[in-house]
Amino acid sequence: MSRDHHFHCEHAGCSITVGIRTGRTRELELLVDGKEVAAARVHGHHARTHVMTATLPTDPPRDIEVEVRLPGAHGGDPVSTLLVDGERRTMPAREIPRRSRPTEASWYS
């Protein structure tokens, strides 16, 4: 069964979001201002750290790295850290709205 995780922060006037889908294959995506700028597929269920890089559309452009620590097979939640200008900033988790299932009454209406 897969599970989604999202992390988000603002930096230099840009919106930075990391999306992680855990499951048989773990899928990572990095969005800057809502546009996908990096993506990765990670196979296996061992604990590991994966780094994605991007360039922020600022004047002048700034390079950033996002470090994603993935848990092992025994559980835990991933952690995302923004690495920029020599500083490490943990990205807060963002609530993911769940799709509601239809109620019994709506099936028959």
PDB file of N, CA and C in Angstrom:
ATOM      1  N   MET A   1       0.843  -1.174   0.000  1.00  0.00           N
ATOM      2  CA  MET A   1       0.000   0.000   0.000  1.00  0.00           C
ATOM      3  C   MET A   1       0.891   1.240   0.000  1.00  0.00           C
ATOM      4  N   SER A   2       0.556   2.201  -0.814  1.00  0.00           N
ATOM      5  CA  SER A   2       1.376   3.409  -0.899  1.00  0.00           C
ATOM      6  C   SER A   2       0.806   4.504  -0.009  1.00  0.00           C
ATOM      7  N   ARG A   3       1.671   5.444   0.304  1.00  0.00           N
ATOM      8  CA  ARG A   3       1.288   6.575   1.136  1.00  0.00           C
ATOM      9  C   ARG A   3       1.999   7.807   0.605  1.00  0.00           C
ATOM     10  N   ASP A   4       1.307   8.943   0.616  1.00  0.00           N
ATOM     11  CA  ASP A   4       1.888  10.187   0.123  1.00  0.00           C
ATOM     12  C   ASP A   4       2.341  11.070   1.276  1.00  0.00           C
ATOM     13  N   HIS A   5       3.444  11.784   1.048  1.00  0.00           N
ATOM     14  CA  HIS A   5       3.971  12.756   2.004  1.00  0.00           C
ATOM     15  C   HIS A   5       4.306  14.012   1.209  1.00  0.00           C
ATOM     16  N   HIS A   6       4.052  15.164   1.802  1.00  0.00           N
ATOM     17  CA  HIS A   6       4.389  16.439   1.161  1.00  0.00           C
ATOM     18  C   HIS A   6       5.092  17.332   2.178  1.00  0.00           C
ATOM     19  N   PHE A   7       6.103  18.047   1.702  1.00  0.00           N
ATOM     20  CA  PHE A   7       6.845  18.996   2.523  1.00  0.00           C
ATOM     21  C   PHE A   7       6.891  20.307   1.752  1.00  0.00           C
ATOM     22  N   HIS A   8       6.842  21.440   2.468  1.00  0.00           N
ATOM     23  CA  HIS A   8       6.767  22.721   1.778  1.00  0.00           C
ATOM     24  C   HIS A   8       7.455  23.813   2.593  1.00  0.00           C
ATOM     25  N   CYS A   9       8.121  24.739   1.893  1.00  0.00           N
ATOM     26  CA  CYS A   9       8.653  25.942   2.530  1.00  0.00           C
ATOM     27  C   CYS A   9       8.807  27.030   1.476  1.00  0.00           C
ATOM     28  N   GLU A  10       8.992  28.238   1.948  1.00  0.00           N
ATOM     29  CA  GLU A  10       9.232  29.394   1.079  1.00  0.00           C
ATOM     30  C   GLU A  10      10.693  29.812   1.269  1.00  0.00           C
ATOM     31  N   HIS A  11      11.356  30.138   0.166  1.00  0.00           N
ATOM     32  CA  HIS A  11      12.731  30.617   0.241  1.00  0.00           C
ATOM     33  C   HIS A  11      12.982  31.570  -0.918  1.00  0.00           C
ATOM     34  N   ALA A  12      13.523  32.750  -0.621  1.00  0.00           N
ATOM     35  CA  ALA A  12      13.872  33.768  -1.617  1.00  0.00           C
ATOM     36  C   ALA A  12      12.693  34.093  -2.527  1.00  0.00           C
ATOM     37  N   GLY A  13      11.495  34.119  -1.960  1.00  0.00           N
ATOM     38  CA  GLY A  13      10.306  34.443  -2.733  1.00  0.00           C
ATOM     39  C   GLY A  13       9.787  33.315  -3.606  1.00  0.00           C
ATOM     40  N   CYS A  14      10.326  32.115  -3.437  1.00  0.00           N
ATOM     41  CA  CYS A  14       9.901  30.957  -4.232  1.00  0.00           C
ATOM     42  C   CYS A  14       9.256  29.911  -3.331  1.00  0.00           C
ATOM     43  N   SER A  15       8.299  29.211  -3.881  1.00  0.00           N
ATOM     44  CA  SER A  15       7.618  28.125  -3.199  1.00  0.00           C
ATOM     45  C   SER A  15       8.329  26.818  -3.547  1.00  0.00           C
ATOM     46  N   ILE A  16       8.773  26.084  -2.522  1.00  0.00           N
ATOM     47  CA  ILE A  16       9.503  24.835  -2.737  1.00  0.00           C
ATOM     48  C   ILE A  16       8.709  23.709  -2.094  1.00  0.00           C
ATOM     49  N   THR A  17       8.351  22.697  -2.884  1.00  0.00           N
ATOM     50  CA  THR A  17       7.542  21.582  -2.399  1.00  0.00           C
ATOM     51  C   THR A  17       8.200  20.272  -2.790  1.00  0.00           C
ATOM     52  N   VAL A  18       8.197  19.326  -1.855  1.00  0.00           N
ATOM     53  CA  VAL A  18       8.685  17.978  -2.117  1.00  0.00           C
ATOM     54  C   VAL A  18       7.516  17.024  -1.939  1.00  0.00           C
ATOM     55  N   GLY A  19       7.286  16.184  -2.930  1.00  0.00           N
ATOM     56  CA  GLY A  19       6.259  15.154  -2.854  1.00  0.00           C
ATOM     57  C   GLY A  19       6.923  13.787  -2.854  1.00  0.00           C
ATOM     58  N   ILE A  20       6.471  12.913  -1.949  1.00  0.00           N
ATOM     59  CA  ILE A  20       7.038  11.573  -1.838  1.00  0.00           C
ATOM     60  C   ILE A  20       5.890  10.574  -1.815  1.00  0.00           C
ATOM     61  N   ARG A  21       5.959   9.594  -2.667  1.00  0.00           N
ATOM     62  CA  ARG A  21       4.992   8.499  -2.641  1.00  0.00           C
ATOM     63  C   ARG A  21       5.751   7.231  -2.278  1.00  0.00           C
ATOM     64  N   THR A  22       5.394   6.656  -1.152  1.00  0.00           N
ATOM     65  CA  THR A  22       6.039   5.420  -0.732  1.00  0.00           C
ATOM     66  C   THR A  22       5.210   4.248  -1.239  1.00  0.00           C
ATOM     67  N   GLY A  23       5.811   3.137  -1.424  1.00  0.00           N
ATOM     68  CA  GLY A  23       5.157   1.940  -1.933  1.00  0.00           C
ATOM     69  C   GLY A  23       6.224   1.000  -2.445  1.00  0.00           C
ATOM     70  N   ARG A  24       5.866   0.171  -3.404  1.00  0.00           N
ATOM     71  CA  ARG A  24       6.837  -0.776  -3.956  1.00  0.00           C
ATOM     72  C   ARG A  24       8.050  -0.024  -4.514  1.00  0.00           C
ATOM     73  N   THR A  25       7.795   1.003  -5.304  1.00  0.00           N
ATOM     74  CA  THR A  25       8.843   1.909  -5.772  1.00  0.00           C
ATOM     75  C   THR A  25       8.545   3.277  -5.173  1.00  0.00           C
ATOM     76  N   ARG A  26       9.543   3.908  -4.575  1.00  0.00           N
ATOM     77  CA  ARG A  26       9.331   5.223  -3.968  1.00  0.00           C
ATOM     78  C   ARG A  26       9.601   6.300  -5.011  1.00  0.00           C
ATOM     79  N   GLU A  27       8.633   7.191  -5.159  1.00  0.00           N
ATOM     80  CA  GLU A  27       8.737   8.256  -6.155  1.00  0.00           C
ATOM     81  C   GLU A  27       8.881   9.597  -5.459  1.00  0.00           C
ATOM     82  N   LEU A  28       9.857  10.393  -5.907  1.00  0.00           N
ATOM     83  CA  LEU A  28      10.135  11.698  -5.326  1.00  0.00           C
ATOM     84  C   LEU A  28       9.968  12.757  -6.408  1.00  0.00           C
ATOM     85  N   GLU A  29       9.425  13.911  -6.034  1.00  0.00           N
ATOM     86  CA  GLU A  29       9.366  15.024  -6.970  1.00  0.00           C
ATOM     87  C   GLU A  29       9.649  16.319  -6.228  1.00  0.00           C
ATOM     88  N   LEU A  30      10.334  17.221  -6.915  1.00  0.00           N
ATOM     89  CA  LEU A  30      10.672  18.532  -6.373  1.00  0.00           C
ATOM     90  C   LEU A  30      10.012  19.575  -7.263  1.00  0.00           C
ATOM     91  N   LEU A  31       9.190  20.430  -6.644  1.00  0.00           N
ATOM     92  CA  LEU A  31       8.491  21.483  -7.371  1.00  0.00           C
ATOM     93  C   LEU A  31       8.978  22.841  -6.888  1.00  0.00           C
ATOM     94  N   VAL A  32       9.205  23.747  -7.822  1.00  0.00           N
ATOM     95  CA  VAL A  32       9.523  25.138  -7.502  1.00  0.00           C
ATOM     96  C   VAL A  32       8.450  25.984  -8.166  1.00  0.00           C
ATOM     97  N   ASP A  33       7.739  26.756  -7.354  1.00  0.00           N
ATOM     98  CA  ASP A  33       6.620  27.574  -7.821  1.00  0.00           C
ATOM     99  C   ASP A  33       5.607  26.740  -8.606  1.00  0.00           C
ATOM    100  N   GLY A  34       5.369  25.516  -8.143  1.00  0.00           N
ATOM    101  CA  GLY A  34       4.364  24.641  -8.742  1.00  0.00           C
ATOM    102  C   GLY A  34       4.803  23.883  -9.979  1.00  0.00           C
ATOM    103  N   LYS A  35       6.044  24.059 -10.412  1.00  0.00           N
ATOM    104  CA  LYS A  35       6.537  23.365 -11.602  1.00  0.00           C
ATOM    105  C   LYS A  35       7.554  22.304 -11.186  1.00  0.00           C
ATOM    106  N   GLU A  36       7.413  21.109 -11.759  1.00  0.00           N
ATOM    107  CA  GLU A  36       8.346  20.033 -11.442  1.00  0.00           C
ATOM    108  C   GLU A  36       9.708  20.348 -12.046  1.00  0.00           C
ATOM    109  N   VAL A  37      10.735  20.347 -11.182  1.00  0.00           N
ATOM    110  CA  VAL A  37      12.095  20.642 -11.648  1.00  0.00           C
ATOM    111  C   VAL A  37      13.034  19.459 -11.459  1.00  0.00           C
ATOM    112  N   ALA A  38      12.619  18.471 -10.657  1.00  0.00           N
ATOM    113  CA  ALA A  38      13.431  17.268 -10.460  1.00  0.00           C
ATOM    114  C   ALA A  38      12.509  16.140 -10.017  1.00  0.00           C
ATOM    115  N   ALA A  39      12.873  14.931 -10.408  1.00  0.00           N
ATOM    116  CA  ALA A  39      12.102  13.757 -10.021  1.00  0.00           C
ATOM    117  C   ALA A  39      13.047  12.566  -9.938  1.00  0.00           C
ATOM    118  N   ALA A  40      12.665  11.589  -9.119  1.00  0.00           N
ATOM    119  CA  ALA A  40      13.486  10.392  -8.985  1.00  0.00           C
ATOM    120  C   ALA A  40      12.610   9.219  -8.578  1.00  0.00           C
ATOM    121  N   ARG A  41      13.045   8.033  -8.961  1.00  0.00           N
ATOM    122  CA  ARG A  41      12.412   6.794  -8.513  1.00  0.00           C
ATOM    123  C   ARG A  41      13.467   6.028  -7.741  1.00  0.00           C
ATOM    124  N   VAL A  42      13.128   5.618  -6.532  1.00  0.00           N
ATOM    125  CA  VAL A  42      14.070   4.922  -5.670  1.00  0.00           C
ATOM    126  C   VAL A  42      13.532   3.518  -5.434  1.00  0.00           C
ATOM    127  N   HIS A  43      14.316   2.520  -5.804  1.00  0.00           N
ATOM    128  CA  HIS A  43      13.903   1.130  -5.650  1.00  0.00           C
ATOM    129  C   HIS A  43      14.464   0.562  -4.352  1.00  0.00           C
ATOM    130  N   GLY A  44      13.765  -0.380  -3.785  1.00  0.00           N
ATOM    131  CA  GLY A  44      14.210  -1.013  -2.552  1.00  0.00           C
ATOM    132  C   GLY A  44      13.621  -0.330  -1.335  1.00  0.00           C
ATOM    133  N   HIS A  45      13.710  -1.010  -0.221  1.00  0.00           N
ATOM    134  CA  HIS A  45      13.103  -0.492   1.005  1.00  0.00           C
ATOM    135  C   HIS A  45      14.134  -0.333   2.120  1.00  0.00           C
ATOM    136  N   HIS A  46      15.335   0.017   1.745  1.00  0.00           N
ATOM    137  CA  HIS A  46      16.380   0.280   2.732  1.00  0.00           C
ATOM    138  C   HIS A  46      16.357   1.760   3.074  1.00  0.00           C
ATOM    139  N   ALA A  47      16.718   2.089   4.299  1.00  0.00           N
ATOM    140  CA  ALA A  47      16.832   3.501   4.674  1.00  0.00           C
ATOM    141  C   ALA A  47      17.947   4.117   3.838  1.00  0.00           C
ATOM    142  N   ARG A  48      17.689   5.273   3.268  1.00  0.00           N
ATOM    143  CA  ARG A  48      18.698   5.944   2.452  1.00  0.00           C
ATOM    144  C   ARG A  48      18.387   7.426   2.356  1.00  0.00           C
ATOM    145  N   THR A  49      19.370   8.176   1.901  1.00  0.00           N
ATOM    146  CA  THR A  49      19.219   9.610   1.686  1.00  0.00           C
ATOM    147  C   THR A  49      19.397   9.885   0.202  1.00  0.00           C
ATOM    148  N   HIS A  50      18.494  10.669  -0.354  1.00  0.00           N
ATOM    149  CA  HIS A  50      18.553  11.026  -1.771  1.00  0.00           C
ATOM    150  C   HIS A  50      18.572  12.551  -1.865  1.00  0.00           C
ATOM    151  N   VAL A  51      19.440  13.111  -2.711  1.00  0.00           N
ATOM    152  CA  VAL A  51      19.557  14.560  -2.862  1.00  0.00           C
ATOM    153  C   VAL A  51      19.091  14.952  -4.268  1.00  0.00           C
ATOM    154  N   MET A  52      18.188  15.938  -4.316  1.00  0.00           N
ATOM    155  CA  MET A  52      17.719  16.495  -5.591  1.00  0.00           C
ATOM    156  C   MET A  52      18.184  17.946  -5.670  1.00  0.00           C
ATOM    157  N   THR A  53      18.561  18.392  -6.862  1.00  0.00           N
ATOM    158  CA  THR A  53      19.043  19.755  -7.046  1.00  0.00           C
ATOM    159  C   THR A  53      18.126  20.516  -8.000  1.00  0.00           C
ATOM    160  N   ALA A  54      18.122  21.834  -7.827  1.00  0.00           N
ATOM    161  CA  ALA A  54      17.322  22.708  -8.687  1.00  0.00           C
ATOM    162  C   ALA A  54      17.915  24.108  -8.652  1.00  0.00           C
ATOM    163  N   THR A  55      17.459  24.945  -9.568  1.00  0.00           N
ATOM    164  CA  THR A  55      17.856  26.345  -9.604  1.00  0.00           C
ATOM    165  C   THR A  55      16.604  27.189  -9.424  1.00  0.00           C
ATOM    166  N   LEU A  56      16.632  28.091  -8.446  1.00  0.00           N
ATOM    167  CA  LEU A  56      15.491  28.972  -8.202  1.00  0.00           C
ATOM    168  C   LEU A  56      15.479  30.087  -9.246  1.00  0.00           C
ATOM    169  N   PRO A  57      14.287  30.467  -9.742  1.00  0.00           N
ATOM    170  CA  PRO A  57      14.197  31.522 -10.755  1.00  0.00           C
ATOM    171  C   PRO A  57      14.248  32.916 -10.128  1.00  0.00           C
ATOM    172  N   THR A  58      15.338  33.226  -9.451  1.00  0.00           N
ATOM    173  CA  THR A  58      15.526  34.534  -8.826  1.00  0.00           C
ATOM    174  C   THR A  58      16.546  35.317  -9.640  1.00  0.00           C
ATOM    175  N   ASP A  59      16.776  36.556  -9.275  1.00  0.00           N
ATOM    176  CA  ASP A  59      17.762  37.366  -9.973  1.00  0.00           C
ATOM    177  C   ASP A  59      18.852  37.751  -8.987  1.00  0.00           C
ATOM    178  N   PRO A  60      20.014  37.200  -9.009  1.00  0.00           N
ATOM    179  CA  PRO A  60      20.502  36.147  -9.890  1.00  0.00           C
ATOM    180  C   PRO A  60      19.937  34.776  -9.472  1.00  0.00           C
ATOM    181  N   PRO A  61      19.943  33.790 -10.385  1.00  0.00           N
ATOM    182  CA  PRO A  61      19.452  32.450 -10.058  1.00  0.00           C
ATOM    183  C   PRO A  61      20.269  31.838  -8.918  1.00  0.00           C
ATOM    184  N   ARG A  62      19.582  31.087  -8.045  1.00  0.00           N
ATOM    185  CA  ARG A  62      20.241  30.428  -6.899  1.00  0.00           C
ATOM    186  C   ARG A  62      20.074  28.928  -7.013  1.00  0.00           C
ATOM    187  N   ASP A  63      21.150  28.210  -6.770  1.00  0.00           N
ATOM    188  CA  ASP A  63      21.092  26.750  -6.745  1.00  0.00           C
ATOM    189  C   ASP A  63      20.708  26.288  -5.348  1.00  0.00           C
ATOM    190  N   ILE A  64      19.852  25.270  -5.300  1.00  0.00           N
ATOM    191  CA  ILE A  64      19.459  24.676  -4.028  1.00  0.00           C
ATOM    192  C   ILE A  64      19.593  23.163  -4.127  1.00  0.00           C
ATOM    193  N   GLU A  65      19.663  22.528  -2.976  1.00  0.00           N
ATOM    194  CA  GLU A  65      19.602  21.078  -2.880  1.00  0.00           C
ATOM    195  C   GLU A  65      18.551  20.736  -1.843  1.00  0.00           C
ATOM    196  N   VAL A  66      17.836  19.660  -2.080  1.00  0.00           N
ATOM    197  CA  VAL A  66      16.877  19.157  -1.109  1.00  0.00           C
ATOM    198  C   VAL A  66      17.274  17.726  -0.797  1.00  0.00           C
ATOM    199  N   GLU A  67      17.507  17.466   0.478  1.00  0.00           N
ATOM    200  CA  GLU A  67      17.910  16.149   0.951  1.00  0.00           C
ATOM    201  C   GLU A  67      16.670  15.440   1.493  1.00  0.00           C
ATOM    202  N   VAL A  68      16.373  14.262   0.967  1.00  0.00           N
ATOM    203  CA  VAL A  68      15.221  13.489   1.414  1.00  0.00           C
ATOM    204  C   VAL A  68      15.733  12.224   2.078  1.00  0.00           C
ATOM    205  N   ARG A  69      15.420  12.065   3.372  1.00  0.00           N
ATOM    206  CA  ARG A  69      15.798  10.851   4.103  1.00  0.00           C
ATOM    207  C   ARG A  69      14.596   9.919   4.104  1.00  0.00           C
ATOM    208  N   LEU A  70      14.766   8.766   3.454  1.00  0.00           N
ATOM    209  CA  LEU A  70      13.704   7.779   3.346  1.00  0.00           C
ATOM    210  C   LEU A  70      13.865   6.718   4.420  1.00  0.00           C
ATOM    211  N   PRO A  71      12.763   6.306   5.049  1.00  0.00           N
ATOM    212  CA  PRO A  71      12.851   5.294   6.107  1.00  0.00           C
ATOM    213  C   PRO A  71      13.097   3.906   5.517  1.00  0.00           C
ATOM    214  N   GLY A  72      13.473   2.988   6.385  1.00  0.00           N
ATOM    215  CA  GLY A  72      13.676   1.605   5.977  1.00  0.00           C
ATOM    216  C   GLY A  72      12.362   0.841   5.956  1.00  0.00           C
ATOM    217  N   ALA A  73      12.472  -0.457   5.771  1.00  0.00           N
ATOM    218  CA  ALA A  73      11.291  -1.322   5.642  1.00  0.00           C
ATOM    219  C   ALA A  73      10.493  -1.423   6.935  1.00  0.00           C
ATOM    220  N   HIS A  74      11.090  -1.101   8.049  1.00  0.00           N
ATOM    221  CA  HIS A  74      10.395  -1.252   9.335  1.00  0.00           C
ATOM    222  C   HIS A  74       9.595  -0.023   9.721  1.00  0.00           C
ATOM    223  N   GLY A  75       9.423   0.899   8.809  1.00  0.00           N
ATOM    224  CA  GLY A  75       8.534   2.028   9.052  1.00  0.00           C
ATOM    225  C   GLY A  75       9.242   3.315   9.393  1.00  0.00           C
ATOM    226  N   GLY A  76       8.429   4.300   9.695  1.00  0.00           N
ATOM    227  CA  GLY A  76       8.926   5.638   9.947  1.00  0.00           C
ATOM    228  C   GLY A  76       8.454   6.556   8.836  1.00  0.00           C
ATOM    229  N   ASP A  77       8.638   7.830   9.030  1.00  0.00           N
ATOM    230  CA  ASP A  77       8.225   8.817   8.042  1.00  0.00           C
ATOM    231  C   ASP A  77       9.454   9.451   7.402  1.00  0.00           C
ATOM    232  N   PRO A  78       9.360   9.826   6.129  1.00  0.00           N
ATOM    233  CA  PRO A  78      10.474  10.517   5.489  1.00  0.00           C
ATOM    234  C   PRO A  78      10.653  11.921   6.062  1.00  0.00           C
ATOM    235  N   VAL A  79      11.841  12.475   5.865  1.00  0.00           N
ATOM    236  CA  VAL A  79      12.171  13.825   6.307  1.00  0.00           C
ATOM    237  C   VAL A  79      12.819  14.546   5.135  1.00  0.00           C
ATOM    238  N   SER A  80      12.450  15.812   4.941  1.00  0.00           N
ATOM    239  CA  SER A  80      12.997  16.600   3.846  1.00  0.00           C
ATOM    240  C   SER A  80      13.704  17.829   4.411  1.00  0.00           C
ATOM    241  N   THR A  81      14.914  18.105   3.910  1.00  0.00           N
ATOM    242  CA  THR A  81      15.721  19.223   4.397  1.00  0.00           C
ATOM    243  C   THR A  81      16.194  20.060   3.213  1.00  0.00           C
ATOM    244  N   LEU A  82      15.993  21.380   3.297  1.00  0.00           N
ATOM    245  CA  LEU A  82      16.461  22.307   2.277  1.00  0.00           C
ATOM    246  C   LEU A  82      17.894  22.707   2.608  1.00  0.00           C
ATOM    247  N   LEU A  83      18.791  22.561   1.623  1.00  0.00           N
ATOM    248  CA  LEU A  83      20.196  22.934   1.785  1.00  0.00           C
ATOM    249  C   LEU A  83      20.474  24.097   0.837  1.00  0.00           C
ATOM    250  N   VAL A  84      20.713  25.286   1.426  1.00  0.00           N
ATOM    251  CA  VAL A  84      20.962  26.456   0.598  1.00  0.00           C
ATOM    252  C   VAL A  84      21.857  27.432   1.347  1.00  0.00           C
ATOM    253  N   ASP A  85      22.816  28.009   0.645  1.00  0.00           N
ATOM    254  CA  ASP A  85      23.746  28.993   1.218  1.00  0.00           C
ATOM    255  C   ASP A  85      24.429  28.468   2.477  1.00  0.00           C
ATOM    256  N   GLY A  86      24.779  27.193   2.491  1.00  0.00           N
ATOM    257  CA  GLY A  86      25.487  26.605   3.615  1.00  0.00           C
ATOM    258  C   GLY A  86      24.632  26.347   4.850  1.00  0.00           C
ATOM    259  N   GLU A  87      23.340  26.507   4.738  1.00  0.00           N
ATOM    260  CA  GLU A  87      22.481  26.271   5.894  1.00  0.00           C
ATOM    261  C   GLU A  87      21.495  25.143   5.600  1.00  0.00           C
ATOM    262  N   ARG A  88      21.125  24.415   6.649  1.00  0.00           N
ATOM    263  CA  ARG A  88      20.176  23.302   6.563  1.00  0.00           C
ATOM    264  C   ARG A  88      18.883  23.728   7.230  1.00  0.00           C
ATOM    265  N   ARG A  89      17.779  23.576   6.508  1.00  0.00           N
ATOM    266  CA  ARG A  89      16.485  23.971   7.060  1.00  0.00           C
ATOM    267  C   ARG A  89      15.490  22.832   6.845  1.00  0.00           C
ATOM    268  N   THR A  90      14.994  22.270   7.940  1.00  0.00           N
ATOM    269  CA  THR A  90      14.020  21.192   7.840  1.00  0.00           C
ATOM    270  C   THR A  90      12.724  21.734   7.256  1.00  0.00           C
ATOM    271  N   MET A  91      12.205  21.056   6.251  1.00  0.00           N
ATOM    272  CA  MET A  91      10.970  21.482   5.602  1.00  0.00           C
ATOM    273  C   MET A  91       9.789  20.882   6.370  1.00  0.00           C
ATOM    274  N   PRO A  92       8.825  21.711   6.764  1.00  0.00           N
ATOM    275  CA  PRO A  92       7.687  21.180   7.513  1.00  0.00           C
ATOM    276  C   PRO A  92       6.779  20.324   6.626  1.00  0.00           C
ATOM    277  N   ALA A  93       6.204  19.292   7.258  1.00  0.00           N
ATOM    278  CA  ALA A  93       5.248  18.436   6.553  1.00  0.00           C
ATOM    279  C   ALA A  93       3.990  19.238   6.267  1.00  0.00           C
ATOM    280  N   ARG A  94       3.362  18.924   5.168  1.00  0.00           N
ATOM    281  CA  ARG A  94       2.160  19.626   4.740  1.00  0.00           C
ATOM    282  C   ARG A  94       1.014  18.622   4.695  1.00  0.00           C
ATOM    283  N   GLU A  95      -0.112  19.026   5.217  1.00  0.00           N
ATOM    284  CA  GLU A  95      -1.285  18.146   5.245  1.00  0.00           C
ATOM    285  C   GLU A  95      -1.760  17.861   3.823  1.00  0.00           C
ATOM    286  N   ILE A  96      -2.085  16.614   3.555  1.00  0.00           N
ATOM    287  CA  ILE A  96      -2.576  16.210   2.246  1.00  0.00           C
ATOM    288  C   ILE A  96      -4.074  15.973   2.362  1.00  0.00           C
ATOM    289  N   PRO A  97      -4.880  16.708   1.600  1.00  0.00           N
ATOM    290  CA  PRO A  97      -6.318  16.457   1.676  1.00  0.00           C
ATOM    291  C   PRO A  97      -6.641  15.076   1.120  1.00  0.00           C
ATOM    292  N   ARG A  98      -7.422  14.333   1.858  1.00  0.00           N
ATOM    293  CA  ARG A  98      -7.839  12.992   1.429  1.00  0.00           C
ATOM    294  C   ARG A  98      -9.111  13.091   0.603  1.00  0.00           C
ATOM    295  N   ARG A  99      -9.198  12.261  -0.401  1.00  0.00           N
ATOM    296  CA  ARG A  99     -10.422  12.232  -1.187  1.00  0.00           C
ATOM    297  C   ARG A  99     -11.489  11.513  -0.378  1.00  0.00           C
ATOM    298  N   SER A 100     -12.639  12.129  -0.286  1.00  0.00           N
ATOM    299  CA  SER A 100     -13.705  11.495   0.474  1.00  0.00           C
ATOM    300  C   SER A 100     -14.383  10.433  -0.382  1.00  0.00           C
ATOM    301  N   ARG A 101     -14.824   9.388   0.274  1.00  0.00           N
ATOM    302  CA  ARG A 101     -15.527   8.322  -0.421  1.00  0.00           C
ATOM    303  C   ARG A 101     -17.010   8.667  -0.447  1.00  0.00           C
ATOM    304  N   PRO A 102     -17.721   8.257  -1.466  1.00  0.00           N
ATOM    305  CA  PRO A 102     -19.147   8.559  -1.514  1.00  0.00           C
ATOM    306  C   PRO A 102     -19.889   7.871  -0.370  1.00  0.00           C
ATOM    307  N   THR A 103     -20.864   8.559   0.155  1.00  0.00           N
ATOM    308  CA  THR A 103     -21.683   7.960   1.211  1.00  0.00           C
ATOM    309  C   THR A 103     -22.705   7.031   0.578  1.00  0.00           C
ATOM    310  N   GLU A 104     -23.274   6.160   1.378  1.00  0.00           N
ATOM    311  CA  GLU A 104     -24.252   5.203   0.864  1.00  0.00           C
ATOM    312  C   GLU A 104     -25.428   5.927   0.216  1.00  0.00           C
ATOM    313  N   ALA A 105     -25.867   7.025   0.817  1.00  0.00           N
ATOM    314  CA  ALA A 105     -26.995   7.763   0.281  1.00  0.00           C
ATOM    315  C   ALA A 105     -26.696   8.305  -1.117  1.00  0.00           C
ATOM    316  N   SER A 106     -25.464   8.701  -1.386  1.00  0.00           N
ATOM    317  CA  SER A 106     -25.159   9.255  -2.699  1.00  0.00           C
ATOM    318  C   SER A 106     -25.142   8.178  -3.778  1.00  0.00           C
ATOM    319  N   TRP A 107     -24.954   6.915  -3.405  1.00  0.00           N
ATOM    320  CA  TRP A 107     -24.975   5.833  -4.390  1.00  0.00           C
ATOM    321  C   TRP A 107     -26.359   5.684  -5.017  1.00  0.00           C
ATOM    322  N   TYR A 108     -27.394   5.964  -4.231  1.00  0.00           N
ATOM    323  CA  TYR A 108     -28.765   5.699  -4.686  1.00  0.00           C
ATOM    324  C   TYR A 108     -29.505   6.973  -5.110  1.00  0.00           C
ATOM    325  N   SER A 109     -28.860   8.114  -5.094  1.00  0.00           N
ATOM    326  CA  SER A 109     -29.568   9.342  -5.464  1.00  0.00           C
ATOM    327  C   SER A 109     -29.405   9.692  -6.920  1.00  0.00           C
TER     328      SER A 109
END
